[in-house]
Amino acid sequence: MNQQTIHEKYPARIIAITNLLSVLIYIAGAYIIYQLGLIWALIYIGYLLFLEIRLLSTGCPDCYYYGKLCAFGKGRLSSLFFKKGDPERFTCRTFTWKDLIPDFLVALIPVIIGLVILILDFSWLILLLMILLFFLSTTGNGIIRGQYACKFCKQAEIGCPALELFSRKKQP
């Protein structure tokens, strides 16, 4: 029987790949929005920071990987700023598609703005960035989570509401 390897501490290469994906999504989105002006790009970057801090402060402290290197490196980062939470709270949490709306907006807002920009003044660069943003946010995230993150995650084994949502089956 082929036993799946569970990472207690994710390898640096996986953390680098997962974070590179996020950074590329953020840069593509910020560049598209920057076409409206610096202030709009800064507001978007502020929104991204808000989402990252929200995750670090509300999700990571309750996760098995708090203080450890998860697939995204955020367990260790969270422990530098926030107190350890209750792991039981993580497994009991419910997670719905509605909870993902703020995360979907990271790509959706720049794509909508990009469409308006393309209508008003077509740009191949903006079109390519929109395609890249869409691909990274959908297929890229699916590959990262399916092949590098969730598949080797101890928290997924214990119980993860996000994994339940995406796999449509109840975890232990």
Foldseek 3Di string as FASTA:
>chain_A
DDDFAADLAADPVLLVLVVVLVVLLLVLLLVLQCVVPDVRSVVLVVLVVVVLVCCLAPPLLLFPQQCHHASNRSNVVSNVPYHRDHVVCQQPDADEVVNCVSVVCSLVVSLVSLVVCCVVPNDPSSVVSNVVSVCSSPVVVCCSCVPPHVSNHPRVQVHHNVCCHVVVHGHD
